[in-house]
Protein backbone atom coordinates (compact mmCIF):
# COMPACT_ATOMS: atom_id res chain seq x y z
CA MET A 1 27.59 -14.07 -12.69
CA LYS A 2 27.66 -16.73 -15.36
CA LYS A 3 29.51 -15.99 -18.60
CA ILE A 4 27.52 -17.32 -21.55
CA TYR A 5 29.41 -15.84 -24.50
CA ASP A 6 32.40 -13.53 -24.67
CA ASP A 7 30.21 -10.43 -24.37
CA LEU A 8 27.22 -11.74 -22.40
CA TRP A 9 26.67 -12.74 -18.75
CA GLN A 10 23.64 -14.12 -16.94
CA VAL A 11 22.71 -12.66 -13.56
CA PRO A 12 22.06 -15.36 -10.92
CA LEU A 13 18.59 -16.85 -10.78
CA GLU A 14 15.87 -15.11 -8.79
CA LYS A 15 12.20 -15.84 -8.17
CA ARG A 16 9.34 -13.51 -9.04
CA PHE A 17 5.69 -13.79 -8.02
CA THR A 18 6.68 -16.95 -6.04
CA THR A 19 6.62 -19.27 -9.09
CA LEU A 20 8.58 -17.63 -11.91
CA LEU A 21 12.32 -18.14 -12.37
CA SER A 22 13.99 -14.95 -13.56
CA HIS A 23 17.36 -13.98 -15.03
CA ALA A 24 18.66 -10.56 -16.01
CA TYR A 25 21.48 -10.22 -18.54
CA PHE A 26 24.61 -8.09 -18.75
CA LEU A 27 25.79 -7.29 -22.28
CA LYS A 28 29.00 -5.54 -23.28
CA THR A 29 28.94 -3.90 -26.71
CA PRO A 30 31.82 -1.86 -28.17
CA ASP A 31 30.05 1.33 -27.03
CA ARG A 32 28.31 0.58 -23.74
CA ASN A 33 27.46 -1.84 -20.96
CA ILE A 34 23.80 -2.82 -20.92
CA LEU A 35 21.65 -4.49 -18.26
CA ILE A 36 18.53 -6.17 -19.63
CA SER A 37 15.67 -6.69 -17.16
CA HIS A 38 15.96 -6.27 -13.38
CA PHE A 39 17.30 -8.12 -10.35
CA GLU A 40 17.23 -7.61 -6.58
CA ASN A 41 20.61 -8.88 -5.34
CA GLN A 42 22.80 -5.91 -4.42
CA ASP A 43 25.91 -8.10 -4.19
CA VAL A 44 25.53 -8.73 -7.91
CA ALA A 45 25.26 -4.98 -8.49
CA HIS A 46 28.68 -4.51 -6.90
CA GLN A 47 30.06 -7.29 -9.12
CA LEU A 48 28.78 -5.41 -12.15
CA ARG A 49 30.53 -2.26 -10.99
CA GLU A 50 33.78 -4.22 -10.84
CA MET A 51 33.13 -5.42 -14.41
CA GLY A 52 32.95 -1.87 -15.71
CA GLY A 53 29.54 -0.77 -14.49
CA VAL A 54 26.26 -0.40 -16.34
CA ASP A 55 25.54 2.50 -18.65
CA GLU A 56 21.91 1.65 -19.38
CA GLN A 57 19.32 -0.63 -17.80
CA TYR A 58 16.42 -1.63 -20.06
CA LEU A 59 13.11 -2.92 -18.72
CA SER A 60 11.22 -5.27 -21.01
CA HIS A 61 7.85 -4.28 -19.49
CA ASN A 62 6.07 -3.14 -16.35
CA HIS A 63 6.21 -6.51 -14.56
CA GLU A 64 9.90 -5.80 -13.92
CA ILE A 65 9.16 -2.68 -11.88
CA SER A 66 9.97 -3.09 -8.19
CA GLU A 67 10.86 -0.94 -5.21
CA SER A 68 14.54 -1.85 -5.60
CA LEU A 69 14.90 -0.13 -8.99
CA GLY A 70 15.98 3.13 -7.40
CA GLU A 71 18.58 1.48 -5.18
CA LEU A 72 19.99 -0.51 -8.09
CA ARG A 73 20.22 2.60 -10.25
CA PHE A 74 22.04 4.40 -7.43
CA VAL A 75 24.59 1.60 -7.01
CA LEU A 76 25.17 1.14 -10.73
CA GLY A 77 24.91 4.77 -11.80
CA SER A 78 22.92 3.61 -14.82
CA LYS A 79 20.14 5.17 -16.87
CA LEU A 80 16.78 3.42 -16.63
CA ILE A 81 15.03 2.98 -19.99
CA GLY A 82 11.63 1.62 -21.04
CA HIS A 83 8.92 2.17 -23.62
CA GLU A 84 6.76 5.26 -23.19
CA ASN A 85 3.72 3.13 -22.31
CA ILE A 86 5.47 1.91 -19.16
CA ALA A 87 5.41 5.37 -17.56
CA LYS A 88 1.92 4.99 -16.08
CA PHE A 89 3.04 2.00 -14.01
CA PHE A 90 5.65 3.95 -12.02
CA SER A 91 4.95 5.65 -8.72
CA GLY A 92 6.93 7.31 -5.97
CA ASP A 93 10.44 8.61 -6.53
CA VAL A 94 11.53 6.15 -9.23
CA ALA A 95 10.92 6.97 -12.87
CA PRO A 96 12.68 6.12 -16.13
CA ASP A 97 15.50 8.37 -17.27
CA ARG A 98 14.49 7.81 -20.88
CA LEU A 99 11.31 6.67 -22.58
CA LEU A 100 11.36 5.18 -26.08
CA LYS A 101 8.51 6.76 -28.04
CA GLY A 102 6.64 5.18 -30.90
CA ASN A 103 7.11 1.87 -32.64
CA GLY A 104 10.88 1.92 -33.23
CA PRO A 105 13.03 -0.03 -33.74
CA PHE A 106 15.35 1.92 -31.45
CA ALA A 107 18.90 1.13 -32.61
CA GLY A 108 22.27 2.34 -31.40
CA ASP A 109 25.45 2.73 -33.41
CA ASP A 110 26.71 -0.48 -31.80
CA GLY A 111 23.84 -2.47 -33.34
CA PHE A 112 21.91 -3.08 -30.12
CA GLN A 113 18.18 -2.69 -30.82
CA ALA A 114 15.18 -2.23 -28.58
CA LEU A 115 12.09 -3.51 -30.40
CA TYR A 116 8.60 -2.39 -29.44
CA ALA A 117 6.74 -5.68 -29.01
CA PRO A 118 3.17 -5.16 -27.69
CA GLY A 119 0.93 -8.10 -27.00
CA HIS A 120 1.81 -9.51 -23.58
CA THR A 121 1.28 -5.94 -22.32
CA ASP A 122 1.08 -2.62 -24.16
CA ASN A 123 4.61 -1.62 -23.12
CA ASN A 124 6.72 -4.68 -23.99
CA LEU A 125 10.19 -4.41 -25.46
CA CYS A 126 12.34 -7.17 -26.92
CA PHE A 127 16.04 -6.65 -27.51
CA TYR A 128 18.15 -7.82 -30.42
CA TYR A 129 21.91 -7.82 -30.88
CA ALA A 130 24.00 -9.25 -33.72
CA SER A 131 27.05 -10.00 -31.59
CA PRO A 132 30.62 -9.90 -32.93
CA THR A 133 30.85 -13.42 -31.48
CA GLY A 134 28.81 -14.53 -34.49
CA LYS A 135 25.60 -15.19 -32.53
CA ASN A 136 22.42 -13.19 -32.93
CA TYR A 137 20.80 -12.72 -29.50
CA LEU A 138 17.08 -12.15 -29.01
CA PHE A 139 16.02 -11.16 -25.49
CA THR A 140 12.29 -11.84 -25.52
CA GLY A 141 11.23 -10.47 -22.15
CA ASP A 142 7.89 -12.20 -21.52
CA THR A 143 6.76 -12.03 -25.14
CA ILE A 144 7.61 -15.70 -25.23
CA TYR A 145 8.66 -17.58 -22.11
CA LEU A 146 9.44 -21.15 -21.10
CA ASP A 147 6.93 -23.34 -19.28
CA ASN A 148 8.64 -26.60 -18.29
CA GLY A 149 10.71 -26.61 -21.44
CA ARG A 150 8.02 -25.44 -23.86
CA PHE A 151 7.72 -21.91 -25.20
CA ARG A 152 4.43 -20.18 -24.46
CA THR A 153 2.77 -16.78 -24.77
CA LEU A 154 0.42 -14.97 -22.39
CA VAL A 155 -1.76 -11.92 -22.98
CA MET A 156 -2.25 -9.69 -19.93
CA THR A 157 -5.31 -7.65 -20.91
CA SER A 158 -5.26 -5.90 -17.52
CA ASP A 159 -1.92 -4.33 -18.54
CA GLY A 160 -2.91 -3.48 -22.09
CA GLY A 161 -2.14 -6.86 -23.64
CA ASN A 162 -3.83 -7.72 -26.91
CA ARG A 163 -3.97 -10.95 -28.94
CA GLN A 164 -3.89 -9.26 -32.35
CA GLU A 165 -0.92 -7.10 -31.36
CA LEU A 166 0.91 -10.16 -30.05
CA VAL A 167 0.42 -11.96 -33.37
CA ALA A 168 1.76 -8.90 -35.24
CA THR A 169 4.75 -8.76 -32.87
CA LEU A 170 5.53 -12.45 -33.39
CA ARG A 171 5.38 -12.02 -37.16
CA ARG A 172 7.92 -9.19 -36.97
CA LEU A 173 10.21 -11.19 -34.70
CA ARG A 174 10.00 -14.14 -37.09
CA GLU A 175 11.86 -12.12 -39.72
CA LEU A 176 14.93 -11.69 -37.53
CA PRO A 177 17.92 -14.00 -37.94
CA VAL A 178 17.94 -15.50 -34.44
CA ASP A 179 20.55 -17.87 -33.02
CA VAL A 180 19.93 -17.55 -29.27
CA ILE A 181 16.62 -17.09 -27.42
CA LEU A 182 16.93 -15.53 -23.95
CA CYS A 183 13.65 -15.25 -22.04
CA SER A 184 13.29 -13.13 -18.93
CA VAL A 185 11.31 -15.75 -17.02
CA ALA A 186 10.47 -19.43 -17.00
CA MET A 187 8.35 -21.89 -15.07
CA GLY A 188 10.03 -25.14 -14.15
CA HIS A 189 13.48 -25.44 -15.68
CA TYR A 190 15.12 -22.29 -17.06
CA GLU A 191 17.36 -22.57 -20.10
CA ILE A 192 18.96 -20.55 -22.87
CA VAL A 193 17.94 -21.98 -26.23
CA GLU A 194 20.02 -21.95 -29.40
CA VAL A 195 18.07 -22.42 -32.64
CA THR A 196 18.55 -22.65 -36.37
CA GLN A 197 16.59 -20.24 -38.52
CA SER A 198 14.26 -23.04 -39.55
CA GLU A 199 13.63 -23.95 -35.91
CA TRP A 200 12.98 -20.29 -35.10
CA HIS A 201 10.41 -20.03 -37.89
CA ASP A 202 8.69 -23.22 -36.80
CA LEU A 203 8.54 -22.03 -33.20
CA ILE A 204 6.99 -18.67 -34.07
CA ASP A 205 4.56 -20.24 -36.54
CA GLU A 206 3.41 -22.61 -33.79
CA LYS A 207 2.85 -19.77 -31.32
CA ILE A 208 0.89 -17.74 -33.87
CA TRP A 209 -1.26 -20.77 -34.70
CA GLU A 210 -1.98 -21.35 -30.98
CA ILE A 211 -3.10 -17.73 -30.51
CA LEU A 212 -5.32 -17.70 -33.59
CA ASP A 213 -6.82 -21.16 -32.99
């Protein structure tokens, strides 16, 4: 586990679909311990238990569903949460404990927000937290991801993705005061990116322009 800020840790790197580099994140708020995304390493799960356990695990979208979700939930004792549109992608004995219905945002008393962010798929969530550390974290899932150091977007029409919805999502995200961008996956080198508000606006404007071009 790598400590990034006083309340945020990065789960060790894993590979997905043979080419994607993936990190999950462990966030401690005043009210709860939150796991964002998914990982496979059960040794890390035991480390998280020693750090106080996980109250809730949030999936950003259906590409994070794997057979190990049930085992991880058993070890952590956590509740599994996703958007209601993710339900159709589950099979077998594993299912979410809670589905977020509608467009949200879904905010807790501690300020942690799950934001419905369709476009990449029809069930995407991003997560936003104005940390007491003074940094505003945006966990983008795959809404934007890094490709060899450059942010990109991808619409998966087979999973309900839609270009117009992605543009609308990006415009909503643009309005957030963002200091730290934390993607779920990357190709090539993975990094956590700190931005100024001007840089954040320029980045989102560029992605919107690329989609509409």
